[in-house]
Amino acid sequence: MALLYVYILIYILFVNSDTNAQIVLTQTPESLAVSPGDTVTIRCKATSSSVGSYMSWYQQKSGQAPKLLIYGASTRVSSVPDRFSGSGSGTDFTFTISRVEAEDPGDYYCQGYNSHTIHP
C-alpha cells in the first residue's frame, strides 16, 4: 500500500493588528506518512490566547495556491468534504482528516487572523 505524505509548515507568524503583537503558531507533527483510510490529526499551538477562535486551515498542493478549508476554527468551506474538520480555541487548535484519500497529500497550514478578516 502506498504511503501518503503530509508536510506541515512548523512556524507561521500571526500579527495581531490591534496591538501589533506577534503571535507564533507552532504546528505538530512536522510531517506524517499515512495510508489511505487513516485518520490524520495536526495540532497548532499559539503563544497567546488572543487568537480566540480566529483560526484557519489551508491545504496547498505542489504548484497551486493555498486552498482555504476551515475558518473560525471549525467552520468548513462549503465545497470541502466533511472528512476535513477543525476544533479548538484560545491557544490550542486541531485539524483532522478522517478517512484519508489519495488526493489528500499536500502541505497543510494553520493561520491566525483577526475579526476584520473576510472569509467566505
PDB file of N, CA and C in Angstrom:
ATOM      1  N   MET A   1       0.847  -1.185   0.000  1.00  0.00           N
ATOM      2  CA  MET A   1       0.000   0.000   0.000  1.00  0.00           C
ATOM      3  C   MET A   1       0.889   1.245   0.000  1.00  0.00           C
ATOM      4  N   ALA A   2       0.605   2.176  -0.858  1.00  0.00           N
ATOM      5  CA  ALA A   2       1.416   3.393  -0.978  1.00  0.00           C
ATOM      6  C   ALA A   2       1.214   4.282   0.241  1.00  0.00           C
ATOM      7  N   LEU A   3       2.270   4.942   0.645  1.00  0.00           N
ATOM      8  CA  LEU A   3       2.176   5.882   1.753  1.00  0.00           C
ATOM      9  C   LEU A   3       1.899   7.272   1.208  1.00  0.00           C
ATOM     10  N   LEU A   4       1.107   8.025   1.931  1.00  0.00           N
ATOM     11  CA  LEU A   4       0.815   9.403   1.574  1.00  0.00           C
ATOM     12  C   LEU A   4       1.557  10.290   2.556  1.00  0.00           C
ATOM     13  N   TYR A   5       2.139  11.351   2.053  1.00  0.00           N
ATOM     14  CA  TYR A   5       2.905  12.234   2.915  1.00  0.00           C
ATOM     15  C   TYR A   5       2.196  13.570   3.072  1.00  0.00           C
ATOM     16  N   VAL A   6       2.115  14.015   4.298  1.00  0.00           N
ATOM     17  CA  VAL A   6       1.549  15.316   4.612  1.00  0.00           C
ATOM     18  C   VAL A   6       2.671  16.121   5.245  1.00  0.00           C
ATOM     19  N   TYR A   7       3.053  17.208   4.610  1.00  0.00           N
ATOM     20  CA  TYR A   7       4.131  18.043   5.128  1.00  0.00           C
ATOM     21  C   TYR A   7       3.532  19.288   5.757  1.00  0.00           C
ATOM     22  N   ILE A   8       4.048  19.646   6.876  1.00  0.00           N
ATOM     23  CA  ILE A   8       3.442  20.696   7.661  1.00  0.00           C
ATOM     24  C   ILE A   8       4.467  21.788   7.944  1.00  0.00           C
ATOM     25  N   LEU A   9       4.090  23.032   7.661  1.00  0.00           N
ATOM     26  CA  LEU A   9       4.950  24.161   7.986  1.00  0.00           C
ATOM     27  C   LEU A   9       4.968  24.326   9.502  1.00  0.00           C
ATOM     28  N   ILE A  10       6.148  24.431  10.079  1.00  0.00           N
ATOM     29  CA  ILE A  10       6.251  24.419  11.530  1.00  0.00           C
ATOM     30  C   ILE A  10       5.866  25.760  12.150  1.00  0.00           C
ATOM     31  N   TYR A  11       6.383  26.836  11.638  1.00  0.00           N
ATOM     32  CA  TYR A  11       6.110  28.130  12.237  1.00  0.00           C
ATOM     33  C   TYR A  11       5.399  29.047  11.255  1.00  0.00           C
ATOM     34  N   ILE A  12       4.337  29.661  11.722  1.00  0.00           N
ATOM     35  CA  ILE A  12       3.647  30.686  10.945  1.00  0.00           C
ATOM     36  C   ILE A  12       3.458  31.873  11.880  1.00  0.00           C
ATOM     37  N   LEU A  13       3.780  33.040  11.391  1.00  0.00           N
ATOM     38  CA  LEU A  13       3.685  34.235  12.214  1.00  0.00           C
ATOM     39  C   LEU A  13       2.318  34.869  12.070  1.00  0.00           C
ATOM     40  N   PHE A  14       1.702  35.155  13.183  1.00  0.00           N
ATOM     41  CA  PHE A  14       0.406  35.823  13.198  1.00  0.00           C
ATOM     42  C   PHE A  14       0.609  37.186  13.836  1.00  0.00           C
ATOM     43  N   VAL A  15       0.191  38.236  13.157  1.00  0.00           N
ATOM     44  CA  VAL A  15       0.322  39.583  13.701  1.00  0.00           C
ATOM     45  C   VAL A  15      -1.053  40.085  14.101  1.00  0.00           C
ATOM     46  N   ASN A  16      -1.203  40.419  15.357  1.00  0.00           N
ATOM     47  CA  ASN A  16      -2.451  40.960  15.869  1.00  0.00           C
ATOM     48  C   ASN A  16      -2.473  42.441  15.532  1.00  0.00           C
ATOM     49  N   SER A  17      -3.360  42.846  14.636  1.00  0.00           N
ATOM     50  CA  SER A  17      -3.351  44.225  14.144  1.00  0.00           C
ATOM     51  C   SER A  17      -3.743  45.235  15.215  1.00  0.00           C
ATOM     52  N   ASP A  18      -4.436  44.782  16.259  1.00  0.00           N
ATOM     53  CA  ASP A  18      -4.847  45.712  17.309  1.00  0.00           C
ATOM     54  C   ASP A  18      -3.670  46.138  18.179  1.00  0.00           C
ATOM     55  N   THR A  19      -2.723  45.238  18.388  1.00  0.00           N
ATOM     56  CA  THR A  19      -1.622  45.542  19.295  1.00  0.00           C
ATOM     57  C   THR A  19      -0.260  45.453  18.612  1.00  0.00           C
ATOM     58  N   ASN A  20      -0.247  45.000  17.363  1.00  0.00           N
ATOM     59  CA  ASN A  20       0.995  44.738  16.648  1.00  0.00           C
ATOM     60  C   ASN A  20       1.854  43.698  17.349  1.00  0.00           C
ATOM     61  N   ALA A  21       1.241  42.929  18.248  1.00  0.00           N
ATOM     62  CA  ALA A  21       1.971  41.868  18.931  1.00  0.00           C
ATOM     63  C   ALA A  21       2.124  40.686  17.985  1.00  0.00           C
ATOM     64  N   GLN A  22       3.271  40.052  18.040  1.00  0.00           N
ATOM     65  CA  GLN A  22       3.496  38.888  17.199  1.00  0.00           C
ATOM     66  C   GLN A  22       3.150  37.630  17.972  1.00  0.00           C
ATOM     67  N   ILE A  23       2.341  36.800  17.360  1.00  0.00           N
ATOM     68  CA  ILE A  23       1.953  35.535  17.960  1.00  0.00           C
ATOM     69  C   ILE A  23       2.494  34.427  17.070  1.00  0.00           C
ATOM     70  N   VAL A  24       3.271  33.545  17.654  1.00  0.00           N
ATOM     71  CA  VAL A  24       3.841  32.444  16.885  1.00  0.00           C
ATOM     72  C   VAL A  24       2.919  31.237  16.981  1.00  0.00           C
ATOM     73  N   LEU A  25       2.634  30.639  15.826  1.00  0.00           N
ATOM     74  CA  LEU A  25       1.857  29.414  15.764  1.00  0.00           C
ATOM     75  C   LEU A  25       2.806  28.266  15.453  1.00  0.00           C
ATOM     76  N   THR A  26       2.736  27.219  16.237  1.00  0.00           N
ATOM     77  CA  THR A  26       3.591  26.056  16.037  1.00  0.00           C
ATOM     78  C   THR A  26       2.729  24.847  15.706  1.00  0.00           C
ATOM     79  N   GLN A  27       3.003  24.241  14.559  1.00  0.00           N
ATOM     80  CA  GLN A  27       2.257  23.069  14.128  1.00  0.00           C
ATOM     81  C   GLN A  27       3.041  21.800  14.441  1.00  0.00           C
ATOM     82  N   THR A  28       2.318  20.773  14.855  1.00  0.00           N
ATOM     83  CA  THR A  28       2.914  19.452  15.064  1.00  0.00           C
ATOM     84  C   THR A  28       1.957  18.394  14.549  1.00  0.00           C
ATOM     85  N   PRO A  29       2.492  17.288  14.044  1.00  0.00           N
ATOM     86  CA  PRO A  29       3.908  16.992  13.828  1.00  0.00           C
ATOM     87  C   PRO A  29       4.434  17.715  12.592  1.00  0.00           C
ATOM     88  N   GLU A  30       5.730  17.599  12.349  1.00  0.00           N
ATOM     89  CA  GLU A  30       6.336  18.267  11.196  1.00  0.00           C
ATOM     90  C   GLU A  30       5.936  17.599   9.894  1.00  0.00           C
ATOM     91  N   SER A  31       5.844  16.294   9.898  1.00  0.00           N
ATOM     92  CA  SER A  31       5.410  15.563   8.706  1.00  0.00           C
ATOM     93  C   SER A  31       4.800  14.238   9.140  1.00  0.00           C
ATOM     94  N   LEU A  32       4.009  13.676   8.250  1.00  0.00           N
ATOM     95  CA  LEU A  32       3.320  12.422   8.541  1.00  0.00           C
ATOM     96  C   LEU A  32       3.373  11.521   7.321  1.00  0.00           C
ATOM     97  N   ALA A  33       3.486  10.237   7.543  1.00  0.00           N
ATOM     98  CA  ALA A  33       3.315   9.249   6.481  1.00  0.00           C
ATOM     99  C   ALA A  33       2.087   8.429   6.845  1.00  0.00           C
ATOM    100  N   VAL A  34       1.078   8.467   6.007  1.00  0.00           N
ATOM    101  CA  VAL A  34      -0.179   7.786   6.311  1.00  0.00           C
ATOM    102  C   VAL A  34      -0.620   6.949   5.121  1.00  0.00           C
ATOM    103  N   SER A  35      -1.537   6.055   5.369  1.00  0.00           N
ATOM    104  CA  SER A  35      -2.106   5.211   4.324  1.00  0.00           C
ATOM    105  C   SER A  35      -3.550   5.605   4.077  1.00  0.00           C
ATOM    106  N   PRO A  36      -4.062   5.332   2.895  1.00  0.00           N
ATOM    107  CA  PRO A  36      -5.473   5.627   2.623  1.00  0.00           C
ATOM    108  C   PRO A  36      -6.373   4.984   3.678  1.00  0.00           C
ATOM    109  N   GLY A  37      -7.361   5.756   4.118  1.00  0.00           N
ATOM    110  CA  GLY A  37      -8.271   5.278   5.151  1.00  0.00           C
ATOM    111  C   GLY A  37      -7.883   5.681   6.552  1.00  0.00           C
ATOM    112  N   ASP A  38      -6.631   6.110   6.737  1.00  0.00           N
ATOM    113  CA  ASP A  38      -6.175   6.545   8.059  1.00  0.00           C
ATOM    114  C   ASP A  38      -6.820   7.865   8.463  1.00  0.00           C
ATOM    115  N   THR A  39      -6.680   8.191   9.736  1.00  0.00           N
ATOM    116  CA  THR A  39      -7.073   9.499  10.257  1.00  0.00           C
ATOM    117  C   THR A  39      -5.816  10.283  10.593  1.00  0.00           C
ATOM    118  N   VAL A  40      -5.768  11.531  10.155  1.00  0.00           N
ATOM    119  CA  VAL A  40      -4.628  12.420  10.393  1.00  0.00           C
ATOM    120  C   VAL A  40      -5.055  13.529  11.343  1.00  0.00           C
ATOM    121  N   THR A  41      -4.248  13.802  12.340  1.00  0.00           N
ATOM    122  CA  THR A  41      -4.504  14.911  13.251  1.00  0.00           C
ATOM    123  C   THR A  41      -3.291  15.823  13.278  1.00  0.00           C
ATOM    124  N   ILE A  42      -3.521  17.106  13.028  1.00  0.00           N
ATOM    125  CA  ILE A  42      -2.475  18.125  13.062  1.00  0.00           C
ATOM    126  C   ILE A  42      -2.858  19.127  14.142  1.00  0.00           C
ATOM    127  N   ARG A  43      -1.903  19.501  14.965  1.00  0.00           N
ATOM    128  CA  ARG A  43      -2.166  20.460  16.035  1.00  0.00           C
ATOM    129  C   ARG A  43      -1.448  21.776  15.755  1.00  0.00           C
ATOM    130  N   CYS A  44      -2.074  22.845  16.191  1.00  0.00           N
ATOM    131  CA  CYS A  44      -1.498  24.173  16.049  1.00  0.00           C
ATOM    132  C   CYS A  44      -1.614  24.861  17.399  1.00  0.00           C
ATOM    133  N   LYS A  45      -0.483  25.289  17.937  1.00  0.00           N
ATOM    134  CA  LYS A  45      -0.469  25.937  19.250  1.00  0.00           C
ATOM    135  C   LYS A  45       0.000  27.371  19.096  1.00  0.00           C
ATOM    136  N   ALA A  46      -0.756  28.305  19.671  1.00  0.00           N
ATOM    137  CA  ALA A  46      -0.425  29.728  19.616  1.00  0.00           C
ATOM    138  C   ALA A  46       0.246  30.153  20.913  1.00  0.00           C
ATOM    139  N   THR A  47       1.106  31.166  20.826  1.00  0.00           N
ATOM    140  CA  THR A  47       1.787  31.661  22.020  1.00  0.00           C
ATOM    141  C   THR A  47       0.916  32.608  22.837  1.00  0.00           C
ATOM    142  N   SER A  48      -0.268  32.948  22.323  1.00  0.00           N
ATOM    143  CA  SER A  48      -1.192  33.813  23.054  1.00  0.00           C
ATOM    144  C   SER A  48      -2.621  33.377  22.790  1.00  0.00           C
ATOM    145  N   SER A  49      -3.470  33.507  23.803  1.00  0.00           N
ATOM    146  CA  SER A  49      -4.878  33.137  23.653  1.00  0.00           C
ATOM    147  C   SER A  49      -5.677  34.191  22.904  1.00  0.00           C
ATOM    148  N   SER A  50      -5.045  35.298  22.505  1.00  0.00           N
ATOM    149  CA  SER A  50      -5.774  36.346  21.790  1.00  0.00           C
ATOM    150  C   SER A  50      -6.215  35.899  20.400  1.00  0.00           C
ATOM    151  N   VAL A  51      -5.734  34.745  19.951  1.00  0.00           N
ATOM    152  CA  VAL A  51      -6.223  34.184  18.691  1.00  0.00           C
ATOM    153  C   VAL A  51      -7.716  33.884  18.817  1.00  0.00           C
ATOM    154  N   GLY A  52      -8.164  33.549  20.029  1.00  0.00           N
ATOM    155  CA  GLY A  52      -9.576  33.245  20.254  1.00  0.00           C
ATOM    156  C   GLY A  52      -9.988  32.046  19.430  1.00  0.00           C
ATOM    157  N   SER A  53     -10.979  32.235  18.570  1.00  0.00           N
ATOM    158  CA  SER A  53     -11.374  31.164  17.642  1.00  0.00           C
ATOM    159  C   SER A  53     -11.067  31.562  16.205  1.00  0.00           C
ATOM    160  N   TYR A  54     -10.218  32.571  16.041  1.00  0.00           N
ATOM    161  CA  TYR A  54      -9.873  33.060  14.702  1.00  0.00           C
ATOM    162  C   TYR A  54      -8.714  32.254  14.118  1.00  0.00           C
ATOM    163  N   MET A  55      -9.025  31.041  13.737  1.00  0.00           N
ATOM    164  CA  MET A  55      -8.013  30.151  13.184  1.00  0.00           C
ATOM    165  C   MET A  55      -8.521  29.560  11.875  1.00  0.00           C
ATOM    166  N   SER A  56      -7.660  29.569  10.863  1.00  0.00           N
ATOM    167  CA  SER A  56      -7.978  28.960   9.570  1.00  0.00           C
ATOM    168  C   SER A  56      -6.987  27.841   9.282  1.00  0.00           C
ATOM    169  N   TRP A  57      -7.417  26.927   8.429  1.00  0.00           N
ATOM    170  CA  TRP A  57      -6.551  25.853   7.957  1.00  0.00           C
ATOM    171  C   TRP A  57      -6.583  25.833   6.435  1.00  0.00           C
ATOM    172  N   TYR A  58      -5.405  25.671   5.846  1.00  0.00           N
ATOM    173  CA  TYR A  58      -5.261  25.672   4.395  1.00  0.00           C
ATOM    174  C   TYR A  58      -4.579  24.390   3.933  1.00  0.00           C
ATOM    175  N   GLN A  59      -4.892  24.004   2.708  1.00  0.00           N
ATOM    176  CA  GLN A  59      -4.200  22.918   2.025  1.00  0.00           C
ATOM    177  C   GLN A  59      -3.498  23.516   0.809  1.00  0.00           C
ATOM    178  N   GLN A  60      -2.248  23.148   0.602  1.00  0.00           N
ATOM    179  CA  GLN A  60      -1.537  23.593  -0.594  1.00  0.00           C
ATOM    180  C   GLN A  60      -0.893  22.398  -1.278  1.00  0.00           C
ATOM    181  N   LYS A  61      -1.218  22.243  -2.551  1.00  0.00           N
ATOM    182  CA  LYS A  61      -0.610  21.194  -3.357  1.00  0.00           C
ATOM    183  C   LYS A  61       0.455  21.812  -4.248  1.00  0.00           C
ATOM    184  N   SER A  62       1.396  20.999  -4.660  1.00  0.00           N
ATOM    185  CA  SER A  62       2.538  21.480  -5.434  1.00  0.00           C
ATOM    186  C   SER A  62       2.094  22.284  -6.649  1.00  0.00           C
ATOM    187  N   GLY A  63       2.654  23.500  -6.776  1.00  0.00           N
ATOM    188  CA  GLY A  63       2.371  24.354  -7.916  1.00  0.00           C
ATOM    189  C   GLY A  63       1.041  25.069  -7.869  1.00  0.00           C
ATOM    190  N   GLN A  64       0.310  24.952  -6.763  1.00  0.00           N
ATOM    191  CA  GLN A  64      -1.003  25.578  -6.642  1.00  0.00           C
ATOM    192  C   GLN A  64      -1.025  26.568  -5.488  1.00  0.00           C
ATOM    193  N   ALA A  65      -1.974  27.480  -5.537  1.00  0.00           N
ATOM    194  CA  ALA A  65      -2.177  28.417  -4.431  1.00  0.00           C
ATOM    195  C   ALA A  65      -2.802  27.680  -3.248  1.00  0.00           C
ATOM    196  N   PRO A  66      -2.581  28.175  -2.034  1.00  0.00           N
ATOM    197  CA  PRO A  66      -3.238  27.562  -0.877  1.00  0.00           C
ATOM    198  C   PRO A  66      -4.757  27.615  -1.014  1.00  0.00           C
ATOM    199  N   LYS A  67      -5.409  26.582  -0.526  1.00  0.00           N
ATOM    200  CA  LYS A  67      -6.865  26.483  -0.577  1.00  0.00           C
ATOM    201  C   LYS A  67      -7.402  26.518   0.845  1.00  0.00           C
ATOM    202  N   LEU A  68      -8.301  27.450   1.122  1.00  0.00           N
ATOM    203  CA  LEU A  68      -8.912  27.546   2.444  1.00  0.00           C
ATOM    204  C   LEU A  68      -9.848  26.358   2.660  1.00  0.00           C
ATOM    205  N   LEU A  69      -9.655  25.669   3.786  1.00  0.00           N
ATOM    206  CA  LEU A  69     -10.503  24.531   4.132  1.00  0.00           C
ATOM    207  C   LEU A  69     -11.436  24.846   5.292  1.00  0.00           C
ATOM    208  N   ILE A  70     -10.856  25.452   6.342  1.00  0.00           N
ATOM    209  CA  ILE A  70     -11.568  25.698   7.601  1.00  0.00           C
ATOM    210  C   ILE A  70     -11.300  27.125   8.039  1.00  0.00           C
ATOM    211  N   TYR A  71     -12.313  27.816   8.548  1.00  0.00           N
ATOM    212  CA  TYR A  71     -12.116  29.122   9.178  1.00  0.00           C
ATOM    213  C   TYR A  71     -12.956  29.175  10.445  1.00  0.00           C
ATOM    214  N   GLY A  72     -12.673  30.171  11.297  1.00  0.00           N
ATOM    215  CA  GLY A  72     -13.375  30.240  12.576  1.00  0.00           C
ATOM    216  C   GLY A  72     -13.135  29.005  13.416  1.00  0.00           C
ATOM    217  N   ALA A  73     -11.978  28.405  13.272  1.00  0.00           N
ATOM    218  CA  ALA A  73     -11.526  27.210  13.990  1.00  0.00           C
ATOM    219  C   ALA A  73     -12.236  25.934  13.556  1.00  0.00           C
ATOM    220  N   SER A  74     -13.543  26.012  13.232  1.00  0.00           N
ATOM    221  CA  SER A  74     -14.289  24.781  12.962  1.00  0.00           C
ATOM    222  C   SER A  74     -15.271  24.857  11.797  1.00  0.00           C
ATOM    223  N   THR A  75     -15.373  26.020  11.138  1.00  0.00           N
ATOM    224  CA  THR A  75     -16.335  26.167  10.038  1.00  0.00           C
ATOM    225  C   THR A  75     -15.695  25.727   8.728  1.00  0.00           C
ATOM    226  N   ARG A  76     -16.277  24.725   8.126  1.00  0.00           N
ATOM    227  CA  ARG A  76     -15.754  24.179   6.882  1.00  0.00           C
ATOM    228  C   ARG A  76     -16.298  24.966   5.697  1.00  0.00           C
ATOM    229  N   VAL A  77     -15.433  25.301   4.740  1.00  0.00           N
ATOM    230  CA  VAL A  77     -15.864  25.925   3.489  1.00  0.00           C
ATOM    231  C   VAL A  77     -16.806  24.944   2.792  1.00  0.00           C
ATOM    232  N   SER A  78     -17.862  25.460   2.173  1.00  0.00           N
ATOM    233  CA  SER A  78     -18.943  24.601   1.675  1.00  0.00           C
ATOM    234  C   SER A  78     -18.494  23.532   0.683  1.00  0.00           C
ATOM    235  N   SER A  79     -17.471  23.809  -0.087  1.00  0.00           N
ATOM    236  CA  SER A  79     -17.015  22.846  -1.093  1.00  0.00           C
ATOM    237  C   SER A  79     -16.074  21.775  -0.528  1.00  0.00           C
ATOM    238  N   VAL A  80     -15.741  21.881   0.744  1.00  0.00           N
ATOM    239  CA  VAL A  80     -14.768  20.976   1.362  1.00  0.00           C
ATOM    240  C   VAL A  80     -15.492  19.760   1.948  1.00  0.00           C
ATOM    241  N   PRO A  81     -15.022  18.558   1.658  1.00  0.00           N
ATOM    242  CA  PRO A  81     -15.676  17.351   2.183  1.00  0.00           C
ATOM    243  C   PRO A  81     -15.681  17.313   3.707  1.00  0.00           C
ATOM    244  N   ASP A  82     -16.688  16.644   4.275  1.00  0.00           N
ATOM    245  CA  ASP A  82     -16.791  16.604   5.733  1.00  0.00           C
ATOM    246  C   ASP A  82     -15.758  15.690   6.383  1.00  0.00           C
ATOM    247  N   ARG A  83     -14.890  15.094   5.578  1.00  0.00           N
ATOM    248  CA  ARG A  83     -13.753  14.356   6.134  1.00  0.00           C
ATOM    249  C   ARG A  83     -12.770  15.302   6.806  1.00  0.00           C
ATOM    250  N   PHE A  84     -12.824  16.583   6.433  1.00  0.00           N
ATOM    251  CA  PHE A  84     -11.942  17.605   6.999  1.00  0.00           C
ATOM    252  C   PHE A  84     -12.682  18.325   8.119  1.00  0.00           C
ATOM    253  N   SER A  85     -12.042  18.450   9.270  1.00  0.00           N
ATOM    254  CA  SER A  85     -12.689  19.150  10.383  1.00  0.00           C
ATOM    255  C   SER A  85     -11.653  19.883  11.219  1.00  0.00           C
ATOM    256  N   GLY A  86     -12.129  20.879  11.952  1.00  0.00           N
ATOM    257  CA  GLY A  86     -11.263  21.649  12.829  1.00  0.00           C
ATOM    258  C   GLY A  86     -11.944  21.893  14.158  1.00  0.00           C
ATOM    259  N   SER A  87     -11.140  22.110  15.180  1.00  0.00           N
ATOM    260  CA  SER A  87     -11.678  22.415  16.506  1.00  0.00           C
ATOM    261  C   SER A  87     -10.637  23.190  17.290  1.00  0.00           C
ATOM    262  N   GLY A  88     -11.070  23.715  18.436  1.00  0.00           N
ATOM    263  CA  GLY A  88     -10.158  24.397  19.337  1.00  0.00           C
ATOM    264  C   GLY A  88     -10.491  25.857  19.532  1.00  0.00           C
ATOM    265  N   SER A  89      -9.825  26.456  20.507  1.00  0.00           N
ATOM    266  CA  SER A  89      -9.946  27.883  20.787  1.00  0.00           C
ATOM    267  C   SER A  89      -8.804  28.283  21.708  1.00  0.00           C
ATOM    268  N   GLY A  90      -8.605  29.590  21.834  1.00  0.00           N
ATOM    269  CA  GLY A  90      -7.552  30.076  22.724  1.00  0.00           C
ATOM    270  C   GLY A  90      -6.178  29.845  22.137  1.00  0.00           C
ATOM    271  N   THR A  91      -5.461  28.873  22.674  1.00  0.00           N
ATOM    272  CA  THR A  91      -4.102  28.601  22.191  1.00  0.00           C
ATOM    273  C   THR A  91      -3.957  27.251  21.497  1.00  0.00           C
ATOM    274  N   ASP A  92      -4.950  26.394  21.611  1.00  0.00           N
ATOM    275  CA  ASP A  92      -4.808  25.030  21.103  1.00  0.00           C
ATOM    276  C   ASP A  92      -5.873  24.692  20.062  1.00  0.00           C
ATOM    277  N   PHE A  93      -5.412  24.300  18.885  1.00  0.00           N
ATOM    278  CA  PHE A  93      -6.304  24.013  17.770  1.00  0.00           C
ATOM    279  C   PHE A  93      -5.917  22.682  17.137  1.00  0.00           C
ATOM    280  N   THR A  94      -6.911  22.023  16.574  1.00  0.00           N
ATOM    281  CA  THR A  94      -6.702  20.718  15.958  1.00  0.00           C
ATOM    282  C   THR A  94      -7.372  20.677  14.596  1.00  0.00           C
ATOM    283  N   PHE A  95      -6.692  20.083  13.640  1.00  0.00           N
ATOM    284  CA  PHE A  95      -7.226  19.858  12.298  1.00  0.00           C
ATOM    285  C   PHE A  95      -7.167  18.360  12.045  1.00  0.00           C
ATOM    286  N   THR A  96      -8.270  17.801  11.562  1.00  0.00           N
ATOM    287  CA  THR A  96      -8.350  16.355  11.370  1.00  0.00           C
ATOM    288  C   THR A  96      -8.811  16.023   9.955  1.00  0.00           C
ATOM    289  N   ILE A  97      -8.147  15.060   9.355  1.00  0.00           N
ATOM    290  CA  ILE A  97      -8.613  14.470   8.101  1.00  0.00           C
ATOM    291  C   ILE A  97      -8.996  13.032   8.425  1.00  0.00           C
ATOM    292  N   SER A  98     -10.262  12.719   8.311  1.00  0.00           N
ATOM    293  CA  SER A  98     -10.728  11.353   8.530  1.00  0.00           C
ATOM    294  C   SER A  98     -10.752  10.617   7.197  1.00  0.00           C
ATOM    295  N   ARG A  99     -10.457   9.357   7.232  1.00  0.00           N
ATOM    296  CA  ARG A  99     -10.517   8.532   6.019  1.00  0.00           C
ATOM    297  C   ARG A  99      -9.701   9.170   4.881  1.00  0.00           C
ATOM    298  N   VAL A 100      -8.416   9.293   5.102  1.00  0.00           N
ATOM    299  CA  VAL A 100      -7.517   9.910   4.117  1.00  0.00           C
ATOM    300  C   VAL A 100      -7.707   9.269   2.744  1.00  0.00           C
ATOM    301  N   GLU A 101      -7.745  10.122   1.721  1.00  0.00           N
ATOM    302  CA  GLU A 101      -7.883   9.657   0.343  1.00  0.00           C
ATOM    303  C   GLU A 101      -6.632  10.003  -0.465  1.00  0.00           C
ATOM    304  N   ALA A 102      -6.528   9.402  -1.634  1.00  0.00           N
ATOM    305  CA  ALA A 102      -5.322   9.540  -2.458  1.00  0.00           C
ATOM    306  C   ALA A 102      -5.042  10.978  -2.859  1.00  0.00           C
ATOM    307  N   GLU A 103      -6.073  11.822  -2.930  1.00  0.00           N
ATOM    308  CA  GLU A 103      -5.865  13.218  -3.349  1.00  0.00           C
ATOM    309  C   GLU A 103      -5.511  14.151  -2.190  1.00  0.00           C
ATOM    310  N   ASP A 104      -5.394  13.639  -0.984  1.00  0.00           N
ATOM    311  CA  ASP A 104      -5.170  14.487   0.189  1.00  0.00           C
ATOM    312  C   ASP A 104      -3.732  14.931   0.434  1.00  0.00           C
ATOM    313  N   PRO A 105      -2.702  14.265  -0.079  1.00  0.00           N
ATOM    314  CA  PRO A 105      -1.340  14.707   0.228  1.00  0.00           C
ATOM    315  C   PRO A 105      -1.096  16.155  -0.181  1.00  0.00           C
ATOM    316  N   GLY A 106      -0.335  16.853   0.634  1.00  0.00           N
ATOM    317  CA  GLY A 106      -0.008  18.244   0.373  1.00  0.00           C
ATOM    318  C   GLY A 106       0.534  18.889   1.625  1.00  0.00           C
ATOM    319  N   ASP A 107       0.673  20.190   1.579  1.00  0.00           N
ATOM    320  CA  ASP A 107       1.091  20.969   2.745  1.00  0.00           C
ATOM    321  C   ASP A 107      -0.158  21.529   3.405  1.00  0.00           C
ATOM    322  N   TYR A 108      -0.215  21.452   4.726  1.00  0.00           N
ATOM    323  CA  TYR A 108      -1.350  21.963   5.481  1.00  0.00           C
ATOM    324  C   TYR A 108      -0.848  23.029   6.451  1.00  0.00           C
ATOM    325  N   TYR A 109      -1.532  24.167   6.463  1.00  0.00           N
ATOM    326  CA  TYR A 109      -1.088  25.311   7.252  1.00  0.00           C
ATOM    327  C   TYR A 109      -2.195  25.797   8.175  1.00  0.00           C
ATOM    328  N   CYS A 110      -1.823  26.186   9.367  1.00  0.00           N
ATOM    329  CA  CYS A 110      -2.756  26.938  10.207  1.00  0.00           C
ATOM    330  C   CYS A 110      -2.423  28.421  10.073  1.00  0.00           C
ATOM    331  N   GLN A 111      -3.442  29.250  10.222  1.00  0.00           N
ATOM    332  CA  GLN A 111      -3.256  30.701  10.139  1.00  0.00           C
ATOM    333  C   GLN A 111      -4.172  31.372  11.145  1.00  0.00           C
ATOM    334  N   GLY A 112      -3.596  32.182  12.016  1.00  0.00           N
ATOM    335  CA  GLY A 112      -4.397  33.014  12.897  1.00  0.00           C
ATOM    336  C   GLY A 112      -4.767  34.296  12.183  1.00  0.00           C
ATOM    337  N   TYR A 113      -5.932  34.824  12.501  1.00  0.00           N
ATOM    338  CA  TYR A 113      -6.360  36.081  11.884  1.00  0.00           C
ATOM    339  C   TYR A 113      -7.188  36.855  12.895  1.00  0.00           C
ATOM    340  N   ASN A 114      -7.647  38.044  12.511  1.00  0.00           N
ATOM    341  CA  ASN A 114      -8.446  38.829  13.441  1.00  0.00           C
ATOM    342  C   ASN A 114      -9.864  38.993  12.924  1.00  0.00           C
ATOM    343  N   SER A 115     -10.704  39.655  13.705  1.00  0.00           N
ATOM    344  CA  SER A 115     -12.128  39.737  13.391  1.00  0.00           C
ATOM    345  C   SER A 115     -12.419  40.583  12.164  1.00  0.00           C
ATOM    346  N   HIS A 116     -11.420  41.296  11.647  1.00  0.00           N
ATOM    347  CA  HIS A 116     -11.631  42.140  10.474  1.00  0.00           C
ATOM    348  C   HIS A 116     -11.360  41.387   9.167  1.00  0.00           C
ATOM    349  N   THR A 117     -10.866  40.161   9.275  1.00  0.00           N
ATOM    350  CA  THR A 117     -10.566  39.370   8.088  1.00  0.00           C
ATOM    351  C   THR A 117     -11.860  38.865   7.463  1.00  0.00           C
ATOM    352  N   ILE A 118     -11.944  38.919   6.143  1.00  0.00           N
ATOM    353  CA  ILE A 118     -13.144  38.466   5.436  1.00  0.00           C
ATOM    354  C   ILE A 118     -12.929  37.040   4.949  1.00  0.00           C
ATOM    355  N   HIS A 119     -13.893  36.183   5.238  1.00  0.00           N
ATOM    356  CA  HIS A 119     -13.873  34.801   4.764  1.00  0.00           C
ATOM    357  C   HIS A 119     -15.179  34.519   4.046  1.00  0.00           C
ATOM    358  N   PRO A 120     -15.212  33.455   3.237  1.00  0.00           N
ATOM    359  CA  PRO A 120     -16.448  33.147   2.502  1.00  0.00           C
ATOM    360  C   PRO A 120     -17.601  32.803   3.439  1.00  0.00           C
TER     361      PRO A 120
END
